[in-house]
Amino acid sequence: MKVIGSGSTTMFVLGVIVGIIGLLGMGVNYPIYKKLLAQGKQKYAFEIMELAKEISEM
């Protein structure tokens, strides 16, 4: 574990804290991502279906 830093206990604890902060960030952002994805799908679903019908009729 001496690839980055001195390998001391302080660096280990700092790494754990940074990891926990990252996990909390992911936990907050994932529901936002899912909501935006669902809105995008709902917004463009009709247009995609119309385009697919148009292409299949050719």
N, C-alpha and C. Protein backbone atom coordinates (compact mmCIF):
# COMPACT_ATOMS: atom_id res chain seq x y z
N MET A 1 0.82 -1.19 0.00
CA MET A 1 0.00 0.00 0.00
C MET A 1 0.87 1.26 0.00
N LYS A 2 2.09 1.13 -0.46
CA LYS A 2 2.95 2.30 -0.49
C LYS A 2 3.11 2.84 -1.91
N VAL A 3 2.17 2.52 -2.79
CA VAL A 3 2.25 3.00 -4.16
C VAL A 3 2.03 4.51 -4.19
N ILE A 4 1.04 4.98 -3.47
CA ILE A 4 0.74 6.41 -3.37
C ILE A 4 0.83 6.79 -1.90
N GLY A 5 1.61 7.78 -1.60
CA GLY A 5 1.74 8.23 -0.22
C GLY A 5 2.81 7.43 0.51
N SER A 6 2.87 7.66 1.79
CA SER A 6 3.91 7.04 2.60
C SER A 6 3.50 5.68 3.15
N GLY A 7 2.25 5.30 3.02
CA GLY A 7 1.78 4.03 3.55
C GLY A 7 1.47 4.09 5.03
N SER A 8 1.38 5.30 5.56
CA SER A 8 1.10 5.45 6.99
C SER A 8 -0.39 5.25 7.28
N THR A 9 -0.68 5.13 8.54
CA THR A 9 -2.06 4.96 8.98
C THR A 9 -2.89 6.19 8.62
N THR A 10 -2.29 7.36 8.69
CA THR A 10 -2.99 8.60 8.36
C THR A 10 -3.47 8.57 6.91
N MET A 11 -2.60 8.14 6.01
CA MET A 11 -2.98 8.06 4.59
C MET A 11 -4.08 7.02 4.38
N PHE A 12 -4.02 5.91 5.11
CA PHE A 12 -5.05 4.88 5.02
C PHE A 12 -6.40 5.44 5.45
N VAL A 13 -6.41 6.13 6.58
CA VAL A 13 -7.66 6.71 7.10
C VAL A 13 -8.18 7.75 6.12
N LEU A 14 -7.29 8.57 5.57
CA LEU A 14 -7.70 9.57 4.59
C LEU A 14 -8.32 8.89 3.36
N GLY A 15 -7.75 7.80 2.91
CA GLY A 15 -8.30 7.06 1.78
C GLY A 15 -9.68 6.51 2.07
N VAL A 16 -9.88 6.00 3.27
CA VAL A 16 -11.19 5.47 3.65
C VAL A 16 -12.21 6.60 3.68
N ILE A 17 -11.84 7.75 4.21
CA ILE A 17 -12.75 8.89 4.27
C ILE A 17 -13.12 9.36 2.87
N VAL A 18 -12.13 9.46 1.99
CA VAL A 18 -12.41 9.87 0.61
C VAL A 18 -13.32 8.85 -0.07
N GLY A 19 -13.11 7.57 0.19
CA GLY A 19 -13.97 6.53 -0.37
C GLY A 19 -15.41 6.64 0.11
N ILE A 20 -15.58 6.92 1.39
CA ILE A 20 -16.93 7.07 1.95
C ILE A 20 -17.62 8.29 1.34
N ILE A 21 -16.88 9.38 1.18
CA ILE A 21 -17.45 10.57 0.55
C ILE A 21 -17.87 10.25 -0.89
N GLY A 22 -17.07 9.48 -1.60
CA GLY A 22 -17.43 9.07 -2.95
C GLY A 22 -18.69 8.24 -2.99
N LEU A 23 -18.81 7.31 -2.06
CA LEU A 23 -20.02 6.48 -2.00
C LEU A 23 -21.26 7.31 -1.70
N LEU A 24 -21.12 8.28 -0.80
CA LEU A 24 -22.24 9.16 -0.49
C LEU A 24 -22.63 9.98 -1.72
N GLY A 25 -21.64 10.45 -2.46
CA GLY A 25 -21.92 11.20 -3.69
C GLY A 25 -22.68 10.35 -4.70
N MET A 26 -22.27 9.11 -4.85
CA MET A 26 -22.98 8.21 -5.77
C MET A 26 -24.40 7.95 -5.29
N GLY A 27 -24.56 7.80 -3.98
CA GLY A 27 -25.89 7.56 -3.43
C GLY A 27 -26.84 8.71 -3.65
N VAL A 28 -26.32 9.93 -3.67
CA VAL A 28 -27.15 11.11 -3.91
C VAL A 28 -27.43 11.27 -5.40
N ASN A 29 -26.44 11.05 -6.23
CA ASN A 29 -26.58 11.32 -7.66
C ASN A 29 -27.35 10.24 -8.42
N TYR A 30 -27.36 9.00 -7.96
CA TYR A 30 -28.02 7.93 -8.70
C TYR A 30 -29.53 8.17 -8.87
N PRO A 31 -30.26 8.53 -7.81
CA PRO A 31 -31.69 8.80 -8.01
C PRO A 31 -31.94 9.98 -8.97
N ILE A 32 -31.08 10.98 -8.94
CA ILE A 32 -31.21 12.11 -9.85
C ILE A 32 -31.02 11.63 -11.29
N TYR A 33 -30.00 10.80 -11.50
CA TYR A 33 -29.73 10.23 -12.83
C TYR A 33 -30.94 9.43 -13.33
N LYS A 34 -31.50 8.58 -12.48
CA LYS A 34 -32.63 7.75 -12.88
C LYS A 34 -33.83 8.62 -13.27
N LYS A 35 -34.07 9.70 -12.51
CA LYS A 35 -35.19 10.58 -12.80
C LYS A 35 -34.98 11.28 -14.14
N LEU A 36 -33.79 11.78 -14.39
CA LEU A 36 -33.50 12.46 -15.66
C LEU A 36 -33.60 11.49 -16.83
N LEU A 37 -33.14 10.27 -16.65
CA LEU A 37 -33.23 9.26 -17.70
C LEU A 37 -34.69 8.95 -18.03
N ALA A 38 -35.51 8.79 -17.01
CA ALA A 38 -36.93 8.50 -17.24
C ALA A 38 -37.62 9.66 -17.95
N GLN A 39 -37.29 10.89 -17.58
CA GLN A 39 -37.88 12.05 -18.24
C GLN A 39 -37.46 12.11 -19.70
N GLY A 40 -36.21 11.80 -19.99
CA GLY A 40 -35.74 11.80 -21.37
C GLY A 40 -36.43 10.74 -22.20
N LYS A 41 -36.61 9.56 -21.62
CA LYS A 41 -37.30 8.49 -22.34
C LYS A 41 -38.74 8.87 -22.63
N GLN A 42 -39.38 9.47 -21.65
CA GLN A 42 -40.79 9.86 -21.82
C GLN A 42 -40.91 10.97 -22.86
N LYS A 43 -39.96 11.88 -22.86
CA LYS A 43 -40.01 13.02 -23.77
C LYS A 43 -39.85 12.59 -25.23
N TYR A 44 -38.96 11.64 -25.50
CA TYR A 44 -38.64 11.27 -26.87
C TYR A 44 -39.26 9.97 -27.34
N ALA A 45 -40.00 9.28 -26.51
CA ALA A 45 -40.56 7.97 -26.88
C ALA A 45 -41.49 8.08 -28.08
N PHE A 46 -42.37 9.06 -28.10
CA PHE A 46 -43.32 9.20 -29.20
C PHE A 46 -42.58 9.46 -30.50
N GLU A 47 -41.59 10.35 -30.47
CA GLU A 47 -40.83 10.67 -31.68
C GLU A 47 -40.07 9.45 -32.21
N ILE A 48 -39.53 8.67 -31.32
CA ILE A 48 -38.80 7.46 -31.72
C ILE A 48 -39.75 6.46 -32.38
N MET A 49 -40.92 6.28 -31.79
CA MET A 49 -41.89 5.34 -32.37
C MET A 49 -42.36 5.82 -33.75
N GLU A 50 -42.59 7.11 -33.91
CA GLU A 50 -43.00 7.64 -35.21
C GLU A 50 -41.91 7.44 -36.25
N LEU A 51 -40.67 7.67 -35.86
CA LEU A 51 -39.54 7.48 -36.77
C LEU A 51 -39.42 6.01 -37.17
N ALA A 52 -39.61 5.11 -36.21
CA ALA A 52 -39.54 3.68 -36.51
C ALA A 52 -40.64 3.27 -37.48
N LYS A 53 -41.87 3.81 -37.31
CA LYS A 53 -42.95 3.51 -38.24
C LYS A 53 -42.62 4.02 -39.64
N GLU A 54 -42.08 5.23 -39.70
CA GLU A 54 -41.72 5.83 -40.98
C GLU A 54 -40.66 5.00 -41.70
N ILE A 55 -39.67 4.55 -40.97
CA ILE A 55 -38.61 3.76 -41.58
C ILE A 55 -39.14 2.40 -42.04
N SER A 56 -40.01 1.79 -41.25
CA SER A 56 -40.51 0.47 -41.61
C SER A 56 -41.47 0.50 -42.80
N GLU A 57 -42.06 1.65 -43.08
CA GLU A 57 -42.99 1.77 -44.21
C GLU A 57 -42.26 1.96 -45.52
N MET A 58 -40.99 2.24 -45.50
CA MET A 58 -40.24 2.49 -46.74
C MET A 58 -40.02 1.26 -47.54
